[in-house]
Amino acid sequence: MTDIESREDIETLIQSFYSKAMKDKVISHFFTEIVQLELDEHLPKMYDFWEMMLFDSASYKGNPRQTHLDLNKKSPLKKVHFEAWIRIFNETVDDLFEGPNAENAKTRALSMATMIQIKTNQ
């Protein structure tokens, strides 16, 4: 396996993650019922976000913290949801990549989940 080295790798990671997350019994309802996510619109934003997180690109425009606080108002985000998100994300990274950027992605995902969990008081 190789490390996450390009935007194409990020796209592979994020597509695989969402494929799993949208079928997961613990968190899929956030994507399919609460938000009714349009993947064609959402995925490019996630590519930009992770490209910014891993490669310091300036392509992402958004506020993930506020987005998740707004989501929490619609349907409370609970500890079990964060645990499922991290589990799926880490499994996806580990299935596809290995190396410093892969480890950094998992660390950053955990940091974001922890921060959002604290902000939503869960």
PDB file of N, CA and C in Angstrom:
ATOM      1  N   MET A   1       0.842  -1.193   0.000  1.00  0.00           N
ATOM      2  CA  MET A   1       0.000   0.000   0.000  1.00  0.00           C
ATOM      3  C   MET A   1       0.880   1.246   0.000  1.00  0.00           C
ATOM      4  N   THR A   2       0.315   2.302  -0.509  1.00  0.00           N
ATOM      5  CA  THR A   2       1.024   3.572  -0.544  1.00  0.00           C
ATOM      6  C   THR A   2       0.347   4.566   0.392  1.00  0.00           C
ATOM      7  N   ASP A   3       0.984   5.696   0.574  1.00  0.00           N
ATOM      8  CA  ASP A   3       0.450   6.761   1.409  1.00  0.00           C
ATOM      9  C   ASP A   3      -0.539   7.606   0.598  1.00  0.00           C
ATOM     10  N   ILE A   4      -1.267   8.458   1.271  1.00  0.00           N
ATOM     11  CA  ILE A   4      -2.117   9.446   0.608  1.00  0.00           C
ATOM     12  C   ILE A   4      -1.173  10.504   0.055  1.00  0.00           C
ATOM     13  N   GLU A   5      -1.124  10.610  -1.275  1.00  0.00           N
ATOM     14  CA  GLU A   5      -0.121  11.472  -1.896  1.00  0.00           C
ATOM     15  C   GLU A   5      -0.702  12.517  -2.841  1.00  0.00           C
ATOM     16  N   SER A   6      -1.994  12.457  -3.131  1.00  0.00           N
ATOM     17  CA  SER A   6      -2.555  13.357  -4.140  1.00  0.00           C
ATOM     18  C   SER A   6      -4.037  13.586  -3.890  1.00  0.00           C
ATOM     19  N   ARG A   7      -4.596  14.531  -4.624  1.00  0.00           N
ATOM     20  CA  ARG A   7      -6.036  14.767  -4.553  1.00  0.00           C
ATOM     21  C   ARG A   7      -6.786  13.512  -4.998  1.00  0.00           C
ATOM     22  N   GLU A   8      -6.262  12.809  -5.984  1.00  0.00           N
ATOM     23  CA  GLU A   8      -6.916  11.584  -6.442  1.00  0.00           C
ATOM     24  C   GLU A   8      -7.002  10.561  -5.313  1.00  0.00           C
ATOM     25  N   ASP A   9      -5.952  10.473  -4.509  1.00  0.00           N
ATOM     26  CA  ASP A   9      -5.994   9.581  -3.346  1.00  0.00           C
ATOM     27  C   ASP A   9      -7.057  10.027  -2.355  1.00  0.00           C
ATOM     28  N   ILE A  10      -7.155  11.325  -2.143  1.00  0.00           N
ATOM     29  CA  ILE A  10      -8.183  11.863  -1.246  1.00  0.00           C
ATOM     30  C   ILE A  10      -9.564  11.520  -1.781  1.00  0.00           C
ATOM     31  N   GLU A  11      -9.764  11.672  -3.070  1.00  0.00           N
ATOM     32  CA  GLU A  11     -11.058  11.347  -3.675  1.00  0.00           C
ATOM     33  C   GLU A  11     -11.395   9.878  -3.456  1.00  0.00           C
ATOM     34  N   THR A  12     -10.429   9.010  -3.637  1.00  0.00           N
ATOM     35  CA  THR A  12     -10.639   7.575  -3.399  1.00  0.00           C
ATOM     36  C   THR A  12     -11.032   7.329  -1.953  1.00  0.00           C
ATOM     37  N   LEU A  13     -10.318   7.939  -1.033  1.00  0.00           N
ATOM     38  CA  LEU A  13     -10.606   7.783   0.398  1.00  0.00           C
ATOM     39  C   LEU A  13     -12.006   8.266   0.740  1.00  0.00           C
ATOM     40  N   ILE A  14     -12.345   9.452   0.310  1.00  0.00           N
ATOM     41  CA  ILE A  14     -13.630  10.051   0.687  1.00  0.00           C
ATOM     42  C   ILE A  14     -14.792   9.308   0.031  1.00  0.00           C
ATOM     43  N   GLN A  15     -14.657   8.913  -1.218  1.00  0.00           N
ATOM     44  CA  GLN A  15     -15.716   8.140  -1.866  1.00  0.00           C
ATOM     45  C   GLN A  15     -15.942   6.818  -1.139  1.00  0.00           C
ATOM     46  N   SER A  16     -14.873   6.158  -0.773  1.00  0.00           N
ATOM     47  CA  SER A  16     -14.989   4.890  -0.062  1.00  0.00           C
ATOM     48  C   SER A  16     -15.601   5.091   1.317  1.00  0.00           C
ATOM     49  N   PHE A  17     -15.175   6.132   2.011  1.00  0.00           N
ATOM     50  CA  PHE A  17     -15.739   6.429   3.334  1.00  0.00           C
ATOM     51  C   PHE A  17     -17.240   6.656   3.251  1.00  0.00           C
ATOM     52  N   TYR A  18     -17.677   7.515   2.342  1.00  0.00           N
ATOM     53  CA  TYR A  18     -19.102   7.815   2.255  1.00  0.00           C
ATOM     54  C   TYR A  18     -19.909   6.601   1.812  1.00  0.00           C
ATOM     55  N   SER A  19     -19.342   5.772   0.980  1.00  0.00           N
ATOM     56  CA  SER A  19     -20.016   4.540   0.580  1.00  0.00           C
ATOM     57  C   SER A  19     -20.330   3.684   1.802  1.00  0.00           C
ATOM     58  N   LYS A  20     -19.388   3.607   2.724  1.00  0.00           N
ATOM     59  CA  LYS A  20     -19.585   2.826   3.953  1.00  0.00           C
ATOM     60  C   LYS A  20     -20.489   3.560   4.942  1.00  0.00           C
ATOM     61  N   ALA A  21     -20.236   4.849   5.129  1.00  0.00           N
ATOM     62  CA  ALA A  21     -20.977   5.616   6.138  1.00  0.00           C
ATOM     63  C   ALA A  21     -22.462   5.697   5.809  1.00  0.00           C
ATOM     64  N   MET A  22     -22.794   5.780   4.540  1.00  0.00           N
ATOM     65  CA  MET A  22     -24.196   5.912   4.154  1.00  0.00           C
ATOM     66  C   MET A  22     -24.959   4.598   4.299  1.00  0.00           C
ATOM     67  N   LYS A  23     -24.252   3.516   4.588  1.00  0.00           N
ATOM     68  CA  LYS A  23     -24.894   2.225   4.826  1.00  0.00           C
ATOM     69  C   LYS A  23     -24.835   1.822   6.297  1.00  0.00           C
ATOM     70  N   ASP A  24     -24.098   2.593   7.104  1.00  0.00           N
ATOM     71  CA  ASP A  24     -23.892   2.231   8.501  1.00  0.00           C
ATOM     72  C   ASP A  24     -25.163   2.463   9.317  1.00  0.00           C
ATOM     73  N   LYS A  25     -25.549   1.469  10.108  1.00  0.00           N
ATOM     74  CA  LYS A  25     -26.806   1.555  10.854  1.00  0.00           C
ATOM     75  C   LYS A  25     -26.798   2.645  11.921  1.00  0.00           C
ATOM     76  N   VAL A  26     -25.630   3.069  12.366  1.00  0.00           N
ATOM     77  CA  VAL A  26     -25.558   4.075  13.431  1.00  0.00           C
ATOM     78  C   VAL A  26     -25.624   5.500  12.878  1.00  0.00           C
ATOM     79  N   ILE A  27     -24.997   5.767  11.742  1.00  0.00           N
ATOM     80  CA  ILE A  27     -24.911   7.152  11.264  1.00  0.00           C
ATOM     81  C   ILE A  27     -25.541   7.424   9.905  1.00  0.00           C
ATOM     82  N   SER A  28     -25.974   6.408   9.198  1.00  0.00           N
ATOM     83  CA  SER A  28     -26.483   6.634   7.833  1.00  0.00           C
ATOM     84  C   SER A  28     -27.665   7.592   7.803  1.00  0.00           C
ATOM     85  N   HIS A  29     -28.492   7.584   8.834  1.00  0.00           N
ATOM     86  CA  HIS A  29     -29.682   8.449   8.823  1.00  0.00           C
ATOM     87  C   HIS A  29     -29.328   9.934   8.747  1.00  0.00           C
ATOM     88  N   PHE A  30     -28.156  10.324   9.232  1.00  0.00           N
ATOM     89  CA  PHE A  30     -27.754  11.731   9.117  1.00  0.00           C
ATOM     90  C   PHE A  30     -27.610  12.128   7.647  1.00  0.00           C
ATOM     91  N   PHE A  31     -27.109  11.214   6.837  1.00  0.00           N
ATOM     92  CA  PHE A  31     -26.869  11.494   5.423  1.00  0.00           C
ATOM     93  C   PHE A  31     -28.120  11.304   4.572  1.00  0.00           C
ATOM     94  N   THR A  32     -28.938  10.325   4.928  1.00  0.00           N
ATOM     95  CA  THR A  32     -30.058   9.955   4.066  1.00  0.00           C
ATOM     96  C   THR A  32     -31.392  10.566   4.491  1.00  0.00           C
ATOM     97  N   GLU A  33     -31.551  10.866   5.776  1.00  0.00           N
ATOM     98  CA  GLU A  33     -32.830  11.388   6.270  1.00  0.00           C
ATOM     99  C   GLU A  33     -32.739  12.810   6.814  1.00  0.00           C
ATOM    100  N   ILE A  34     -31.777  13.070   7.675  1.00  0.00           N
ATOM    101  CA  ILE A  34     -31.686  14.365   8.345  1.00  0.00           C
ATOM    102  C   ILE A  34     -31.248  15.448   7.361  1.00  0.00           C
ATOM    103  N   VAL A  35     -30.203  15.195   6.618  1.00  0.00           N
ATOM    104  CA  VAL A  35     -29.659  16.176   5.680  1.00  0.00           C
ATOM    105  C   VAL A  35     -30.078  15.877   4.247  1.00  0.00           C
ATOM    106  N   GLN A  36     -30.336  14.635   3.937  1.00  0.00           N
ATOM    107  CA  GLN A  36     -30.609  14.190   2.565  1.00  0.00           C
ATOM    108  C   GLN A  36     -29.500  14.692   1.639  1.00  0.00           C
ATOM    109  N   LEU A  37     -28.320  14.234   1.949  1.00  0.00           N
ATOM    110  CA  LEU A  37     -27.098  14.674   1.314  1.00  0.00           C
ATOM    111  C   LEU A  37     -27.093  14.429  -0.182  1.00  0.00           C
ATOM    112  N   GLU A  38     -26.739  15.455  -0.926  1.00  0.00           N
ATOM    113  CA  GLU A  38     -26.519  15.339  -2.366  1.00  0.00           C
ATOM    114  C   GLU A  38     -25.023  15.119  -2.576  1.00  0.00           C
ATOM    115  N   LEU A  39     -24.634  13.873  -2.819  1.00  0.00           N
ATOM    116  CA  LEU A  39     -23.214  13.540  -2.900  1.00  0.00           C
ATOM    117  C   LEU A  39     -22.484  14.299  -4.001  1.00  0.00           C
ATOM    118  N   ASP A  40     -23.154  14.558  -5.116  1.00  0.00           N
ATOM    119  CA  ASP A  40     -22.495  15.279  -6.211  1.00  0.00           C
ATOM    120  C   ASP A  40     -22.045  16.671  -5.769  1.00  0.00           C
ATOM    121  N   GLU A  41     -22.771  17.277  -4.844  1.00  0.00           N
ATOM    122  CA  GLU A  41     -22.399  18.590  -4.317  1.00  0.00           C
ATOM    123  C   GLU A  41     -21.465  18.471  -3.117  1.00  0.00           C
ATOM    124  N   HIS A  42     -21.707  17.472  -2.284  1.00  0.00           N
ATOM    125  CA  HIS A  42     -20.978  17.358  -1.025  1.00  0.00           C
ATOM    126  C   HIS A  42     -19.554  16.823  -1.190  1.00  0.00           C
ATOM    127  N   LEU A  43     -19.371  15.815  -1.997  1.00  0.00           N
ATOM    128  CA  LEU A  43     -18.055  15.188  -2.111  1.00  0.00           C
ATOM    129  C   LEU A  43     -16.950  16.144  -2.555  1.00  0.00           C
ATOM    130  N   PRO A  44     -17.164  17.002  -3.560  1.00  0.00           N
ATOM    131  CA  PRO A  44     -16.091  17.938  -3.912  1.00  0.00           C
ATOM    132  C   PRO A  44     -15.685  18.850  -2.748  1.00  0.00           C
ATOM    133  N   LYS A  45     -16.631  19.209  -1.906  1.00  0.00           N
ATOM    134  CA  LYS A  45     -16.298  20.012  -0.721  1.00  0.00           C
ATOM    135  C   LYS A  45     -15.417  19.216   0.236  1.00  0.00           C
ATOM    136  N   MET A  46     -15.725  17.928   0.362  1.00  0.00           N
ATOM    137  CA  MET A  46     -14.918  17.084   1.244  1.00  0.00           C
ATOM    138  C   MET A  46     -13.529  16.848   0.660  1.00  0.00           C
ATOM    139  N   TYR A  47     -13.439  16.734  -0.662  1.00  0.00           N
ATOM    140  CA  TYR A  47     -12.121  16.615  -1.293  1.00  0.00           C
ATOM    141  C   TYR A  47     -11.288  17.862  -0.975  1.00  0.00           C
ATOM    142  N   ASP A  48     -11.912  19.041  -1.143  1.00  0.00           N
ATOM    143  CA  ASP A  48     -11.216  20.294  -0.851  1.00  0.00           C
ATOM    144  C   ASP A  48     -10.804  20.367   0.614  1.00  0.00           C
ATOM    145  N   PHE A  49     -11.711  19.958   1.512  1.00  0.00           N
ATOM    146  CA  PHE A  49     -11.417  20.004   2.938  1.00  0.00           C
ATOM    147  C   PHE A  49     -10.209  19.141   3.276  1.00  0.00           C
ATOM    148  N   TRP A  50     -10.220  17.897   2.818  1.00  0.00           N
ATOM    149  CA  TRP A  50      -9.127  16.993   3.160  1.00  0.00           C
ATOM    150  C   TRP A  50      -7.833  17.367   2.436  1.00  0.00           C
ATOM    151  N   GLU A  51      -7.944  17.961   1.268  1.00  0.00           N
ATOM    152  CA  GLU A  51      -6.749  18.452   0.600  1.00  0.00           C
ATOM    153  C   GLU A  51      -6.124  19.587   1.411  1.00  0.00           C
ATOM    154  N   MET A  52      -6.976  20.435   1.981  1.00  0.00           N
ATOM    155  CA  MET A  52      -6.491  21.503   2.858  1.00  0.00           C
ATOM    156  C   MET A  52      -5.854  20.903   4.116  1.00  0.00           C
ATOM    157  N   MET A  53      -6.521  19.921   4.716  1.00  0.00           N
ATOM    158  CA  MET A  53      -6.036  19.334   5.964  1.00  0.00           C
ATOM    159  C   MET A  53      -4.707  18.611   5.783  1.00  0.00           C
ATOM    160  N   LEU A  54      -4.537  17.919   4.681  1.00  0.00           N
ATOM    161  CA  LEU A  54      -3.350  17.091   4.496  1.00  0.00           C
ATOM    162  C   LEU A  54      -2.234  17.767   3.708  1.00  0.00           C
ATOM    163  N   PHE A  55      -2.599  18.672   2.799  1.00  0.00           N
ATOM    164  CA  PHE A  55      -1.597  19.257   1.912  1.00  0.00           C
ATOM    165  C   PHE A  55      -1.558  20.782   1.966  1.00  0.00           C
ATOM    166  N   ASP A  56      -2.230  21.372   2.944  1.00  0.00           N
ATOM    167  CA  ASP A  56      -2.240  22.830   3.136  1.00  0.00           C
ATOM    168  C   ASP A  56      -2.711  23.604   1.909  1.00  0.00           C
ATOM    169  N   SER A  57      -3.600  23.015   1.150  1.00  0.00           N
ATOM    170  CA  SER A  57      -4.178  23.724   0.007  1.00  0.00           C
ATOM    171  C   SER A  57      -5.214  24.714   0.532  1.00  0.00           C
ATOM    172  N   ALA A  58      -5.467  25.751  -0.213  1.00  0.00           N
ATOM    173  CA  ALA A  58      -6.422  26.771   0.212  1.00  0.00           C
ATOM    174  C   ALA A  58      -7.747  26.635  -0.526  1.00  0.00           C
ATOM    175  N   SER A  59      -8.059  25.453  -0.990  1.00  0.00           N
ATOM    176  CA  SER A  59      -9.240  25.284  -1.837  1.00  0.00           C
ATOM    177  C   SER A  59     -10.547  25.199  -1.054  1.00  0.00           C
ATOM    178  N   TYR A  60     -10.501  24.845   0.224  1.00  0.00           N
ATOM    179  CA  TYR A  60     -11.732  24.646   0.999  1.00  0.00           C
ATOM    180  C   TYR A  60     -12.288  25.971   1.491  1.00  0.00           C
ATOM    181  N   LYS A  61     -13.580  26.140   1.282  1.00  0.00           N
ATOM    182  CA  LYS A  61     -14.306  27.299   1.788  1.00  0.00           C
ATOM    183  C   LYS A  61     -15.495  26.763   2.568  1.00  0.00           C
ATOM    184  N   GLY A  62     -15.471  26.898   3.853  1.00  0.00           N
ATOM    185  CA  GLY A  62     -16.581  26.404   4.651  1.00  0.00           C
ATOM    186  C   GLY A  62     -16.251  26.450   6.126  1.00  0.00           C
ATOM    187  N   ASN A  63     -17.211  26.056   6.933  1.00  0.00           N
ATOM    188  CA  ASN A  63     -17.064  26.053   8.380  1.00  0.00           C
ATOM    189  C   ASN A  63     -17.619  24.734   8.908  1.00  0.00           C
ATOM    190  N   PRO A  64     -16.786  23.688   8.962  1.00  0.00           N
ATOM    191  CA  PRO A  64     -17.302  22.381   9.376  1.00  0.00           C
ATOM    192  C   PRO A  64     -17.859  22.383  10.801  1.00  0.00           C
ATOM    193  N   ARG A  65     -17.282  23.184  11.664  1.00  0.00           N
ATOM    194  CA  ARG A  65     -17.794  23.227  13.034  1.00  0.00           C
ATOM    195  C   ARG A  65     -19.242  23.722  13.034  1.00  0.00           C
ATOM    196  N   GLN A  66     -19.507  24.827  12.343  1.00  0.00           N
ATOM    197  CA  GLN A  66     -20.868  25.369  12.314  1.00  0.00           C
ATOM    198  C   GLN A  66     -21.824  24.407  11.608  1.00  0.00           C
ATOM    199  N   THR A  67     -21.364  23.777  10.549  1.00  0.00           N
ATOM    200  CA  THR A  67     -22.198  22.808   9.842  1.00  0.00           C
ATOM    201  C   THR A  67     -22.658  21.699  10.780  1.00  0.00           C
ATOM    202  N   HIS A  68     -21.747  21.208  11.614  1.00  0.00           N
ATOM    203  CA  HIS A  68     -22.095  20.132  12.531  1.00  0.00           C
ATOM    204  C   HIS A  68     -22.917  20.630  13.721  1.00  0.00           C
ATOM    205  N   LEU A  69     -22.699  21.879  14.133  1.00  0.00           N
ATOM    206  CA  LEU A  69     -23.552  22.449  15.180  1.00  0.00           C
ATOM    207  C   LEU A  69     -24.983  22.592  14.670  1.00  0.00           C
ATOM    208  N   ASP A  70     -25.137  23.010  13.425  1.00  0.00           N
ATOM    209  CA  ASP A  70     -26.463  23.100  12.815  1.00  0.00           C
ATOM    210  C   ASP A  70     -27.105  21.719  12.696  1.00  0.00           C
ATOM    211  N   LEU A  71     -26.320  20.742  12.293  1.00  0.00           N
ATOM    212  CA  LEU A  71     -26.818  19.367  12.204  1.00  0.00           C
ATOM    213  C   LEU A  71     -27.279  18.881  13.573  1.00  0.00           C
ATOM    214  N   ASN A  72     -26.518  19.190  14.602  1.00  0.00           N
ATOM    215  CA  ASN A  72     -26.848  18.775  15.968  1.00  0.00           C
ATOM    216  C   ASN A  72     -28.200  19.334  16.413  1.00  0.00           C
ATOM    217  N   LYS A  73     -28.565  20.508  15.915  1.00  0.00           N
ATOM    218  CA  LYS A  73     -29.872  21.093  16.240  1.00  0.00           C
ATOM    219  C   LYS A  73     -31.004  20.300  15.595  1.00  0.00           C
ATOM    220  N   LYS A  74     -30.754  19.745  14.430  1.00  0.00           N
ATOM    221  CA  LYS A  74     -31.762  18.952  13.724  1.00  0.00           C
ATOM    222  C   LYS A  74     -31.912  17.565  14.326  1.00  0.00           C
ATOM    223  N   SER A  75     -30.777  16.965  14.686  1.00  0.00           N
ATOM    224  CA  SER A  75     -30.761  15.625  15.264  1.00  0.00           C
ATOM    225  C   SER A  75     -29.501  15.519  16.119  1.00  0.00           C
ATOM    226  N   PRO A  76     -29.656  15.367  17.427  1.00  0.00           N
ATOM    227  CA  PRO A  76     -28.489  15.399  18.314  1.00  0.00           C
ATOM    228  C   PRO A  76     -27.400  14.399  17.931  1.00  0.00           C
ATOM    229  N   LEU A  77     -26.196  14.914  17.872  1.00  0.00           N
ATOM    230  CA  LEU A  77     -25.013  14.084  17.644  1.00  0.00           C
ATOM    231  C   LEU A  77     -24.584  13.528  18.995  1.00  0.00           C
ATOM    232  N   LYS A  78     -24.536  12.227  19.085  1.00  0.00           N
ATOM    233  CA  LYS A  78     -24.197  11.569  20.347  1.00  0.00           C
ATOM    234  C   LYS A  78     -22.844  10.881  20.240  1.00  0.00           C
ATOM    235  N   LYS A  79     -22.323  10.502  21.391  1.00  0.00           N
ATOM    236  CA  LYS A  79     -21.009   9.860  21.440  1.00  0.00           C
ATOM    237  C   LYS A  79     -20.944   8.657  20.496  1.00  0.00           C
ATOM    238  N   VAL A  80     -21.987   7.872  20.464  1.00  0.00           N
ATOM    239  CA  VAL A  80     -22.015   6.680  19.613  1.00  0.00           C
ATOM    240  C   VAL A  80     -21.868   7.051  18.129  1.00  0.00           C
ATOM    241  N   HIS A  81     -22.383   8.216  17.739  1.00  0.00           N
ATOM    242  CA  HIS A  81     -22.264   8.672  16.348  1.00  0.00           C
ATOM    243  C   HIS A  81     -20.817   9.035  16.025  1.00  0.00           C
ATOM    244  N   PHE A  82     -20.174   9.734  16.950  1.00  0.00           N
ATOM    245  CA  PHE A  82     -18.773  10.091  16.737  1.00  0.00           C
ATOM    246  C   PHE A  82     -17.897   8.847  16.685  1.00  0.00           C
ATOM    247  N   GLU A  83     -18.178   7.905  17.550  1.00  0.00           N
ATOM    248  CA  GLU A  83     -17.405   6.658  17.560  1.00  0.00           C
ATOM    249  C   GLU A  83     -17.556   5.902  16.243  1.00  0.00           C
ATOM    250  N   ALA A  84     -18.768   5.862  15.720  1.00  0.00           N
ATOM    251  CA  ALA A  84     -19.001   5.182  14.440  1.00  0.00           C
ATOM    252  C   ALA A  84     -18.280   5.896  13.305  1.00  0.00           C
ATOM    253  N   TRP A  85     -18.360   7.223  13.293  1.00  0.00           N
ATOM    254  CA  TRP A  85     -17.706   8.009  12.245  1.00  0.00           C
ATOM    255  C   TRP A  85     -16.203   7.748  12.245  1.00  0.00           C
ATOM    256  N   ILE A  86     -15.589   7.818  13.420  1.00  0.00           N
ATOM    257  CA  ILE A  86     -14.143   7.590  13.523  1.00  0.00           C
ATOM    258  C   ILE A  86     -13.789   6.154  13.137  1.00  0.00           C
ATOM    259  N   ARG A  87     -14.583   5.196  13.589  1.00  0.00           N
ATOM    260  CA  ARG A  87     -14.312   3.794  13.260  1.00  0.00           C
ATOM    261  C   ARG A  87     -14.320   3.594  11.746  1.00  0.00           C
ATOM    262  N   ILE A  88     -15.338   4.098  11.084  1.00  0.00           N
ATOM    263  CA  ILE A  88     -15.457   3.941   9.629  1.00  0.00           C
ATOM    264  C   ILE A  88     -14.324   4.680   8.915  1.00  0.00           C
ATOM    265  N   PHE A  89     -14.033   5.891   9.359  1.00  0.00           N
ATOM    266  CA  PHE A  89     -12.970   6.661   8.723  1.00  0.00           C
ATOM    267  C   PHE A  89     -11.631   5.942   8.860  1.00  0.00           C
ATOM    268  N   ASN A  90     -11.306   5.524  10.085  1.00  0.00           N
ATOM    269  CA  ASN A  90     -10.024   4.841  10.304  1.00  0.00           C
ATOM    270  C   ASN A  90      -9.929   3.537   9.528  1.00  0.00           C
ATOM    271  N   GLU A  91     -11.004   2.768   9.515  1.00  0.00           N
ATOM    272  CA  GLU A  91     -11.002   1.515   8.748  1.00  0.00           C
ATOM    273  C   GLU A  91     -10.780   1.787   7.266  1.00  0.00           C
ATOM    274  N   THR A  92     -11.412   2.835   6.768  1.00  0.00           N
ATOM    275  CA  THR A  92     -11.275   3.171   5.353  1.00  0.00           C
ATOM    276  C   THR A  92      -9.844   3.568   5.030  1.00  0.00           C
ATOM    277  N   VAL A  93      -9.277   4.428   5.864  1.00  0.00           N
ATOM    278  CA  VAL A  93      -7.880   4.820   5.656  1.00  0.00           C
ATOM    279  C   VAL A  93      -6.990   3.582   5.680  1.00  0.00           C
ATOM    280  N   ASP A  94      -7.165   2.756   6.705  1.00  0.00           N
ATOM    281  CA  ASP A  94      -6.303   1.577   6.856  1.00  0.00           C
ATOM    282  C   ASP A  94      -6.468   0.568   5.725  1.00  0.00           C
ATOM    283  N   ASP A  95      -7.659   0.494   5.154  1.00  0.00           N
ATOM    284  CA  ASP A  95      -7.892  -0.423   4.033  1.00  0.00           C
ATOM    285  C   ASP A  95      -7.193   0.030   2.751  1.00  0.00           C
ATOM    286  N   LEU A  96      -6.985   1.342   2.628  1.00  0.00           N
ATOM    287  CA  LEU A  96      -6.503   1.891   1.369  1.00  0.00           C
ATOM    288  C   LEU A  96      -5.075   2.405   1.386  1.00  0.00           C
ATOM    289  N   PHE A  97      -4.611   2.879   2.538  1.00  0.00           N
ATOM    290  CA  PHE A  97      -3.342   3.600   2.584  1.00  0.00           C
ATOM    291  C   PHE A  97      -2.553   3.260   3.838  1.00  0.00           C
ATOM    292  N   GLU A  98      -1.253   3.551   3.753  1.00  0.00           N
ATOM    293  CA  GLU A  98      -0.405   3.516   4.934  1.00  0.00           C
ATOM    294  C   GLU A  98       0.722   4.517   4.739  1.00  0.00           C
ATOM    295  N   GLY A  99       1.115   5.144   5.836  1.00  0.00           N
ATOM    296  CA  GLY A  99       2.188   6.124   5.770  1.00  0.00           C
ATOM    297  C   GLY A  99       1.863   7.344   6.599  1.00  0.00           C
ATOM    298  N   PRO A 100       2.746   8.330   6.596  1.00  0.00           N
ATOM    299  CA  PRO A 100       2.572   9.514   7.435  1.00  0.00           C
ATOM    300  C   PRO A 100       1.288  10.303   7.147  1.00  0.00           C
ATOM    301  N   ASN A 101       0.938  10.484   5.884  1.00  0.00           N
ATOM    302  CA  ASN A 101      -0.287  11.224   5.571  1.00  0.00           C
ATOM    303  C   ASN A 101      -1.531  10.449   5.990  1.00  0.00           C
ATOM    304  N   ALA A 102      -1.497   9.142   5.853  1.00  0.00           N
ATOM    305  CA  ALA A 102      -2.624   8.315   6.296  1.00  0.00           C
ATOM    306  C   ALA A 102      -2.792   8.441   7.809  1.00  0.00           C
ATOM    307  N   GLU A 103      -1.694   8.389   8.533  1.00  0.00           N
ATOM    308  CA  GLU A 103      -1.769   8.542   9.991  1.00  0.00           C
ATOM    309  C   GLU A 103      -2.226   9.944  10.361  1.00  0.00           C
ATOM    310  N   ASN A 104      -1.747  10.945   9.625  1.00  0.00           N
ATOM    311  CA  ASN A 104      -2.158  12.329   9.865  1.00  0.00           C
ATOM    312  C   ASN A 104      -3.655  12.496   9.622  1.00  0.00           C
ATOM    313  N   ALA A 105      -4.183  11.865   8.596  1.00  0.00           N
ATOM    314  CA  ALA A 105      -5.619  11.945   8.321  1.00  0.00           C
ATOM    315  C   ALA A 105      -6.421  11.393   9.495  1.00  0.00           C
ATOM    316  N   LYS A 106      -5.995  10.273  10.038  1.00  0.00           N
ATOM    317  CA  LYS A 106      -6.712   9.674  11.177  1.00  0.00           C
ATOM    318  C   LYS A 106      -6.593  10.561  12.414  1.00  0.00           C
ATOM    319  N   THR A 107      -5.430  11.138  12.636  1.00  0.00           N
ATOM    320  CA  THR A 107      -5.245  12.036  13.781  1.00  0.00           C
ATOM    321  C   THR A 107      -6.120  13.272  13.649  1.00  0.00           C
ATOM    322  N   ARG A 108      -6.147  13.851  12.471  1.00  0.00           N
ATOM    323  CA  ARG A 108      -6.959  15.057  12.248  1.00  0.00           C
ATOM    324  C   ARG A 108      -8.449  14.754  12.341  1.00  0.00           C
ATOM    325  N   ALA A 109      -8.854  13.607  11.862  1.00  0.00           N
ATOM    326  CA  ALA A 109     -10.261  13.213  11.972  1.00  0.00           C
ATOM    327  C   ALA A 109     -10.663  13.081  13.440  1.00  0.00           C
ATOM    328  N   LEU A 110      -9.822  12.447  14.231  1.00  0.00           N
ATOM    329  CA  LEU A 110     -10.110  12.308  15.656  1.00  0.00           C
ATOM    330  C   LEU A 110     -10.159  13.668  16.343  1.00  0.00           C
ATOM    331  N   SER A 111      -9.248  14.553  15.990  1.00  0.00           N
ATOM    332  CA  SER A 111      -9.240  15.902  16.575  1.00  0.00           C
ATOM    333  C   SER A 111     -10.518  16.653  16.242  1.00  0.00           C
ATOM    334  N   MET A 112     -10.938  16.566  14.975  1.00  0.00           N
ATOM    335  CA  MET A 112     -12.175  17.246  14.574  1.00  0.00           C
ATOM    336  C   MET A 112     -13.375  16.664  15.288  1.00  0.00           C
ATOM    337  N   ALA A 113     -13.448  15.358  15.334  1.00  0.00           N
ATOM    338  CA  ALA A 113     -14.579  14.710  16.000  1.00  0.00           C
ATOM    339  C   ALA A 113     -14.622  15.088  17.474  1.00  0.00           C
ATOM    340  N   THR A 114     -13.468  15.122  18.105  1.00  0.00           N
ATOM    341  CA  THR A 114     -13.398  15.489  19.523  1.00  0.00           C
ATOM    342  C   THR A 114     -13.853  16.919  19.728  1.00  0.00           C
ATOM    343  N   MET A 115     -13.378  17.839  18.898  1.00  0.00           N
ATOM    344  CA  MET A 115     -13.764  19.243  19.010  1.00  0.00           C
ATOM    345  C   MET A 115     -15.265  19.421  18.791  1.00  0.00           C
ATOM    346  N   ILE A 116     -15.803  18.787  17.795  1.00  0.00           N
ATOM    347  CA  ILE A 116     -17.237  18.922  17.526  1.00  0.00           C
ATOM    348  C   ILE A 116     -18.042  18.283  18.646  1.00  0.00           C
ATOM    349  N   GLN A 117     -17.571  17.163  19.146  1.00  0.00           N
ATOM    350  CA  GLN A 117     -18.251  16.491  20.253  1.00  0.00           C
ATOM    351  C   GLN A 117     -18.275  17.400  21.484  1.00  0.00           C
ATOM    352  N   ILE A 118     -17.188  18.077  21.774  1.00  0.00           N
ATOM    353  CA  ILE A 118     -17.144  18.997  22.899  1.00  0.00           C
ATOM    354  C   ILE A 118     -18.111  20.155  22.670  1.00  0.00           C
ATOM    355  N   LYS A 119     -18.128  20.695  21.464  1.00  0.00           N
ATOM    356  CA  LYS A 119     -18.995  21.836  21.148  1.00  0.00           C
ATOM    357  C   LYS A 119     -20.475  21.472  21.208  1.00  0.00           C
ATOM    358  N   THR A 120     -20.788  20.207  20.932  1.00  0.00           N
ATOM    359  CA  THR A 120     -22.191  19.796  20.988  1.00  0.00           C
ATOM    360  C   THR A 120     -22.537  19.197  22.358  1.00  0.00           C
ATOM    361  N   ASN A 121     -21.557  19.220  23.260  1.00  0.00           N
ATOM    362  CA  ASN A 121     -21.757  18.737  24.632  1.00  0.00           C
ATOM    363  C   ASN A 121     -22.209  17.300  24.697  1.00  0.00           C
ATOM    364  N   GLN A 122     -21.638  16.460  23.861  1.00  0.00           N
ATOM    365  CA  GLN A 122     -22.013  15.035  23.876  1.00  0.00           C
ATOM    366  C   GLN A 122     -20.854  14.263  24.401  1.00  0.00           C
TER     367      GLN A 122
END
